[in-house]
């Protein structure tokens, strides 16, 4: 787990300049606040149609850009002298396969060249590694997305008042290694389990859509969501993230327990999330792979 004590990011007394490519959700705000506390000047490149516009109020510099305008991201950061960048916030990858995607996304030449000619497959790690390499070619280093948010990582242990049942622990023993294998293949990072049976597997649709599908398939309710990091997770992108909205979605779709990987999962608004889980009667467990569940 990263060091929870942020230190000022300065070189020879000069404040370091950081870029944030901001997608949807609260996470970009958390990264920016942590970075500013560490003494960074922050330039936010907000993805149009995804990012919350209020993030501009705290940024030192702010620009809108399209989701597929990688060349513009680079030019904006270079103009501000940002030698480091963090990707923060969610992006719906399924938009890349919608009808008339080229008209909707309007990729610039840099993005089109990567997507159609340079990337051998379209798995998340492959795509984002190519983007990181493109940044590096222009002198911009992509950093861990949790460098400034270590205090928001999930701790180990039961986090709610409700404790797991013996049946739930059995489902965890069954489901955890399956979730890790799926994550290793970069298919998805979440599965739904009920009575030692896999109900649903996350893929391109994302966790929230998978939760809704699991609720439809398991009308008896009481199922478990297991969300894990990839083995050898690259902290620069795609860290598992949960928050109050996750709990709301789990409750609406009949889940009884959420298992997240301790030290590898970002918790958005942790206190609010745990309070919501307690109210909903949902057990939340931070699990470490090295532990043996009894």
Protein backbone atom coordinates (compact mmCIF):
# COMPACT_ATOMS: atom_id res chain seq x y z
CA UNK A 1 0.00 0.00 0.00
CA UNK A 2 1.41 3.41 -0.91
CA UNK A 3 2.81 5.74 1.72
CA UNK A 4 -0.06 7.68 3.27
CA UNK A 5 2.06 10.75 4.06
CA UNK A 6 2.26 13.06 1.08
CA UNK A 7 5.44 15.13 0.86
CA UNK A 8 5.79 18.41 -1.02
CA UNK A 9 6.50 17.79 -4.70
CA UNK A 10 9.24 20.34 -5.31
CA UNK A 11 12.57 20.37 -7.09
CA UNK A 12 15.08 23.05 -6.07
CA UNK A 13 12.23 25.04 -4.56
CA UNK A 14 10.16 25.00 -7.76
CA UNK A 15 6.66 23.61 -7.43
CA UNK A 16 6.07 20.59 -9.63
CA UNK A 17 3.38 20.83 -12.26
CA UNK A 18 0.99 17.91 -12.56
CA UNK A 19 -1.64 17.18 -15.18
CA UNK A 20 -4.85 15.28 -14.46
CA UNK A 21 -6.91 13.74 -17.25
CA UNK A 22 -10.30 13.82 -15.51
CA UNK A 23 -13.09 11.38 -16.29
CA UNK A 24 -16.38 10.94 -14.46
CA UNK A 25 -16.97 10.73 -10.74
CA UNK A 26 -15.40 12.00 -7.52
CA UNK A 27 -11.97 10.45 -7.94
CA UNK A 28 -10.45 13.31 -10.00
CA UNK A 29 -11.37 15.70 -7.17
CA UNK A 30 -9.64 13.44 -4.64
CA UNK A 31 -6.47 13.22 -6.75
CA UNK A 32 -6.40 16.99 -7.26
CA UNK A 33 -6.88 17.76 -3.55
CA UNK A 34 -4.12 15.34 -2.56
CA UNK A 35 -1.77 16.73 -5.20
CA UNK A 36 -2.38 20.32 -4.16
CA UNK A 37 -1.76 19.43 -0.53
CA UNK A 38 1.57 18.01 -1.68
CA UNK A 39 2.44 21.35 -3.29
CA UNK A 40 1.66 20.65 -6.93
CA UNK A 41 0.28 23.08 -9.46
CA UNK A 42 -2.50 21.15 -11.15
CA UNK A 43 -3.68 21.40 -14.74
CA UNK A 44 -6.94 19.54 -15.34
CA UNK A 45 -7.84 18.31 -18.81
CA UNK A 46 -11.50 17.37 -18.36
CA UNK A 47 -13.07 14.82 -20.70
CA UNK A 48 -16.09 16.41 -22.31
CA UNK A 49 -19.37 14.75 -21.40
CA UNK A 50 -17.80 12.89 -18.46
CA UNK A 51 -16.00 15.18 -16.01
CA UNK A 52 -17.79 17.35 -13.47
CA UNK A 53 -17.37 20.97 -14.54
CA UNK A 54 -17.02 22.15 -10.92
CA UNK A 55 -13.51 20.68 -10.79
CA UNK A 56 -12.42 23.82 -12.66
CA UNK A 57 -12.97 25.84 -9.48
CA UNK A 58 -9.97 24.25 -7.72
CA UNK A 59 -7.64 23.64 -10.67
CA UNK A 60 -4.73 25.99 -11.38
CA UNK A 61 -5.50 25.59 -15.07
CA UNK A 62 -8.50 23.95 -16.73
CA UNK A 63 -9.31 22.77 -20.25
CA UNK A 64 -12.01 20.67 -21.88
CA UNK A 65 -11.02 17.95 -24.35
CA UNK A 66 -12.71 15.07 -26.12
CA UNK A 67 -12.31 11.51 -24.88
CA UNK A 68 -10.44 10.52 -28.05
CA UNK A 69 -8.28 13.65 -28.41
CA UNK A 70 -5.02 12.31 -27.03
CA UNK A 71 -2.94 14.70 -29.10
CA UNK A 72 -4.81 17.65 -27.58
CA UNK A 73 -4.25 16.29 -24.05
CA UNK A 74 -0.52 16.24 -24.73
CA UNK A 75 -0.41 19.72 -26.25
CA UNK A 76 -2.33 21.25 -23.35
CA UNK A 77 -0.06 19.66 -20.75
CA UNK A 78 3.09 20.64 -22.62
CA UNK A 79 1.83 24.22 -22.87
CA UNK A 80 1.49 24.31 -19.06
CA UNK A 81 4.86 22.67 -18.49
CA UNK A 82 3.33 19.61 -16.80
CA UNK A 83 5.93 16.85 -16.87
CA UNK A 84 3.73 14.35 -15.04
CA UNK A 85 0.15 13.21 -15.57
CA UNK A 86 -2.40 11.10 -13.75
CA UNK A 87 -5.48 9.46 -15.28
CA UNK A 88 -8.39 9.76 -12.83
CA UNK A 89 -12.09 9.04 -13.12
CA UNK A 90 -14.23 6.58 -15.00
CA UNK A 91 -14.69 6.27 -18.75
CA UNK A 92 -17.35 4.10 -20.37
CA UNK A 93 -15.32 2.01 -22.78
CA UNK A 94 -18.46 0.68 -24.46
CA UNK A 95 -18.87 4.14 -26.04
CA UNK A 96 -15.97 3.18 -28.28
CA UNK A 97 -18.21 0.57 -29.92
CA UNK A 98 -21.37 2.62 -30.35
CA UNK A 99 -22.95 3.39 -33.73
CA UNK A 100 -21.29 6.24 -35.61
CA UNK A 101 -18.45 6.13 -33.08
CA UNK A 102 -16.06 8.11 -35.29
CA UNK A 103 -18.57 10.94 -35.61
CA UNK A 104 -19.36 10.92 -31.88
CA UNK A 105 -15.81 10.58 -30.57
CA UNK A 106 -14.02 12.59 -33.29
CA UNK A 107 -10.57 11.10 -32.57
CA UNK A 108 -7.57 13.21 -33.46
CA UNK A 109 -4.72 11.77 -35.50
CA UNK A 110 -2.77 10.68 -32.41
CA UNK A 111 -5.71 8.72 -30.97
CA UNK A 112 -6.66 7.22 -34.35
CA UNK A 113 -3.09 6.13 -35.01
CA UNK A 114 -2.88 4.39 -31.64
CA UNK A 115 -6.33 2.79 -31.82
CA UNK A 116 -6.27 1.52 -35.39
CA UNK A 117 -2.57 0.95 -36.12
CA UNK A 118 -0.43 0.70 -32.98
CA UNK A 119 -2.44 -1.24 -30.39
CA UNK A 120 -2.42 -5.03 -30.96
CA UNK A 121 -5.58 -5.60 -28.88
CA UNK A 122 -8.12 -3.38 -27.14
CA UNK A 123 -7.85 -4.61 -23.55
CA UNK A 124 -7.60 -1.82 -20.97
CA UNK A 125 -3.95 -2.37 -20.06
CA UNK A 126 -2.91 -2.55 -23.71
CA UNK A 127 -4.70 0.66 -24.64
CA UNK A 128 -3.60 2.64 -21.60
CA UNK A 129 -0.01 1.43 -21.82
CA UNK A 130 0.09 2.75 -25.38
CA UNK A 131 -1.28 6.09 -24.20
CA UNK A 132 1.36 6.20 -21.44
CA UNK A 133 4.08 5.51 -24.02
CA UNK A 134 2.75 8.33 -26.20
CA UNK A 135 2.92 10.73 -23.25
CA UNK A 136 6.48 9.59 -22.53
CA UNK A 137 7.54 10.33 -26.12
CA UNK A 138 6.67 13.97 -25.36
CA UNK A 139 8.44 14.03 -22.00
CA UNK A 140 5.34 13.51 -19.84
CA UNK A 141 5.47 10.68 -17.32
CA UNK A 142 2.25 8.93 -16.33
CA UNK A 143 2.21 8.33 -12.57
CA UNK A 144 0.28 6.10 -10.18
CA UNK A 145 -3.32 7.26 -9.93
CA UNK A 146 -3.24 6.66 -6.16
CA UNK A 147 0.00 8.53 -5.44
CA UNK A 148 -1.95 11.32 -3.73
CA UNK A 149 -4.91 9.33 -2.42
CA UNK A 150 -3.32 6.56 -0.36
CA UNK A 151 -5.48 7.36 2.68
CA UNK A 152 -8.54 6.39 0.63
CA UNK A 153 -7.39 2.81 -0.02
CA UNK A 154 -9.50 0.04 1.52
CA UNK A 155 -8.20 -1.38 4.83
CA UNK A 156 -8.27 -5.04 5.72
CA UNK A 157 -11.16 -6.54 7.69
CA UNK A 158 -14.91 -6.21 8.09
CA UNK A 159 -15.81 -2.53 7.67
CA UNK A 160 -19.49 -2.68 8.55
CA UNK A 161 -21.52 -3.66 11.60
CA UNK A 162 -22.93 -6.72 9.85
CA UNK A 163 -20.47 -9.64 9.87
CA UNK A 164 -20.18 -12.23 7.09
CA UNK A 165 -22.04 -15.51 7.54
CA UNK A 166 -20.47 -18.93 7.17
CA UNK A 167 -22.18 -19.31 3.79
CA UNK A 168 -20.78 -15.99 2.61
CA UNK A 169 -17.27 -16.93 3.67
CA UNK A 170 -17.66 -20.14 1.69
CA UNK A 171 -18.70 -18.11 -1.36
CA UNK A 172 -15.66 -15.89 -0.85
CA UNK A 173 -13.33 -18.89 -0.77
CA UNK A 174 -14.94 -20.14 -3.97
CA UNK A 175 -15.15 -16.84 -5.84
CA UNK A 176 -11.93 -15.05 -4.97
CA UNK A 177 -9.51 -17.16 -7.07
CA UNK A 178 -11.96 -17.05 -10.00
CA UNK A 179 -12.14 -13.25 -9.85
CA UNK A 180 -8.35 -13.04 -9.76
CA UNK A 181 -8.01 -15.30 -12.81
CA UNK A 182 -10.47 -13.18 -14.78
CA UNK A 183 -8.62 -10.03 -13.73
CA UNK A 184 -5.30 -11.58 -14.78
CA UNK A 185 -6.73 -11.98 -18.29
CA UNK A 186 -7.79 -8.29 -18.24
CA UNK A 187 -11.43 -9.21 -18.88
CA UNK A 188 -12.90 -7.52 -15.82
CA UNK A 189 -12.34 -7.10 -12.10
CA UNK A 190 -15.67 -8.10 -10.56
CA UNK A 191 -17.86 -11.18 -10.32
CA UNK A 192 -21.18 -11.94 -8.62
CA UNK A 193 -21.42 -15.15 -6.58
CA UNK A 194 -24.30 -16.97 -4.87
CA UNK A 195 -24.09 -20.41 -3.25
CA UNK A 196 -20.73 -21.23 -4.88
CA UNK A 197 -22.01 -20.35 -8.35
CA UNK A 198 -20.81 -17.50 -10.53
CA UNK A 199 -23.87 -15.46 -11.51
CA UNK A 200 -22.28 -12.70 -13.55
CA UNK A 201 -18.86 -11.58 -14.74
CA UNK A 202 -17.81 -8.01 -15.46
CA UNK A 203 -16.47 -7.19 -18.90
CA UNK A 204 -16.61 -4.06 -21.03
CA UNK A 205 -19.94 -2.89 -19.56
CA UNK A 206 -18.40 -1.98 -16.18
CA UNK A 207 -19.25 -2.90 -12.60
CA UNK A 208 -22.52 -0.99 -12.26
CA UNK A 209 -24.06 -2.62 -15.33
CA UNK A 210 -22.85 -6.03 -14.15
CA UNK A 211 -24.50 -5.46 -10.75
CA UNK A 212 -27.81 -4.74 -12.49
CA UNK A 213 -27.46 -7.89 -14.56
CA UNK A 214 -26.71 -9.95 -11.46
CA UNK A 215 -29.83 -8.58 -9.79
CA UNK A 216 -31.90 -9.64 -12.77
CA UNK A 217 -30.39 -13.12 -12.85
CA UNK A 218 -30.55 -13.75 -9.08
CA UNK A 219 -34.07 -12.85 -8.05
CA UNK A 220 -33.65 -14.68 -4.73
CA UNK A 221 -31.28 -11.88 -3.75
CA UNK A 222 -28.53 -12.29 -1.15
CA UNK A 223 -25.66 -12.57 -3.63
CA UNK A 224 -22.06 -11.34 -3.19
CA UNK A 225 -19.99 -8.96 -5.30
CA UNK A 226 -16.25 -9.65 -5.33
CA UNK A 227 -14.09 -6.85 -6.75
CA UNK A 228 -10.33 -7.38 -7.10
CA UNK A 229 -7.20 -5.81 -8.50
CA UNK A 230 -5.35 -7.45 -11.35
CA UNK A 231 -2.31 -9.51 -10.39
CA UNK A 232 0.65 -7.15 -10.80
CA UNK A 233 -1.84 -4.29 -11.08
CA UNK A 234 -0.36 -1.28 -12.85
CA UNK A 235 -1.23 1.58 -10.47
CA UNK A 236 -1.16 4.11 -13.29
CA UNK A 237 -4.61 3.12 -14.44
CA UNK A 238 -7.82 1.22 -13.78
CA UNK A 239 -7.56 0.73 -10.00
CA UNK A 240 -10.69 -0.87 -8.51
CA UNK A 241 -12.99 1.83 -7.11
CA UNK A 242 -16.16 1.69 -4.99
CA UNK A 243 -18.27 4.33 -3.29
CA UNK A 244 -21.75 5.24 -2.04
CA UNK A 245 -23.22 4.78 -5.50
CA UNK A 246 -21.88 1.21 -5.54
CA UNK A 247 -23.75 0.48 -2.31
CA UNK A 248 -26.95 2.06 -3.66
CA UNK A 249 -26.73 -0.10 -6.77
CA UNK A 250 -26.01 -3.25 -4.73
CA UNK A 251 -29.00 -2.63 -2.48
CA UNK A 252 -31.32 -1.98 -5.42
CA UNK A 253 -30.24 -5.24 -7.05
CA UNK A 254 -30.41 -7.52 -4.02
CA UNK A 255 -26.74 -7.98 -3.04
CA UNK A 256 -25.94 -8.86 0.56
CA UNK A 257 -22.13 -8.52 0.64
CA UNK A 258 -19.33 -6.59 -1.03
CA UNK A 259 -15.77 -7.94 -0.95
CA UNK A 260 -12.97 -5.60 -2.05
CA UNK A 261 -9.23 -6.11 -2.18
CA UNK A 262 -7.57 -4.42 0.80
CA UNK A 263 -4.77 -2.03 -0.11
CA UNK A 264 -5.72 -2.17 -3.80
CA UNK A 265 -9.20 -0.59 -3.89
CA UNK A 266 -10.07 3.10 -3.77
CA UNK A 267 -13.01 3.93 -1.50
CA UNK A 268 -14.83 7.11 -2.53
CA UNK A 269 -16.27 8.95 0.50
CA UNK A 270 -15.51 6.00 2.78
CA UNK A 271 -17.52 7.10 5.83
CA UNK A 272 -20.58 7.86 3.75
CA UNK A 273 -20.22 4.57 1.90
CA UNK A 274 -19.94 2.48 5.08
CA UNK A 275 -22.89 4.31 6.66
CA UNK A 276 -24.97 3.53 3.57
CA UNK A 277 -23.94 -0.13 3.71
CA UNK A 278 -24.90 -0.34 7.40
CA UNK A 279 -28.30 1.18 6.64
CA UNK A 280 -28.80 -1.24 3.74
CA UNK A 281 -27.70 -4.27 5.77
CA UNK A 282 -24.84 -5.00 3.34
CA UNK A 283 -21.59 -6.47 4.65
CA UNK A 284 -18.39 -4.86 3.35
CA UNK A 285 -15.13 -6.77 3.73
CA UNK A 286 -11.61 -5.69 2.82
CA UNK A 287 -9.83 -8.92 1.93
CA UNK A 288 -6.15 -9.60 1.33
CA UNK A 289 -5.23 -12.42 -1.02
CA UNK A 290 -2.60 -13.80 1.33
CA UNK A 291 -5.22 -14.48 3.97
CA UNK A 292 -6.93 -17.83 4.29
CA UNK A 293 -10.67 -17.44 4.81
CA UNK A 294 -11.93 -19.90 7.37
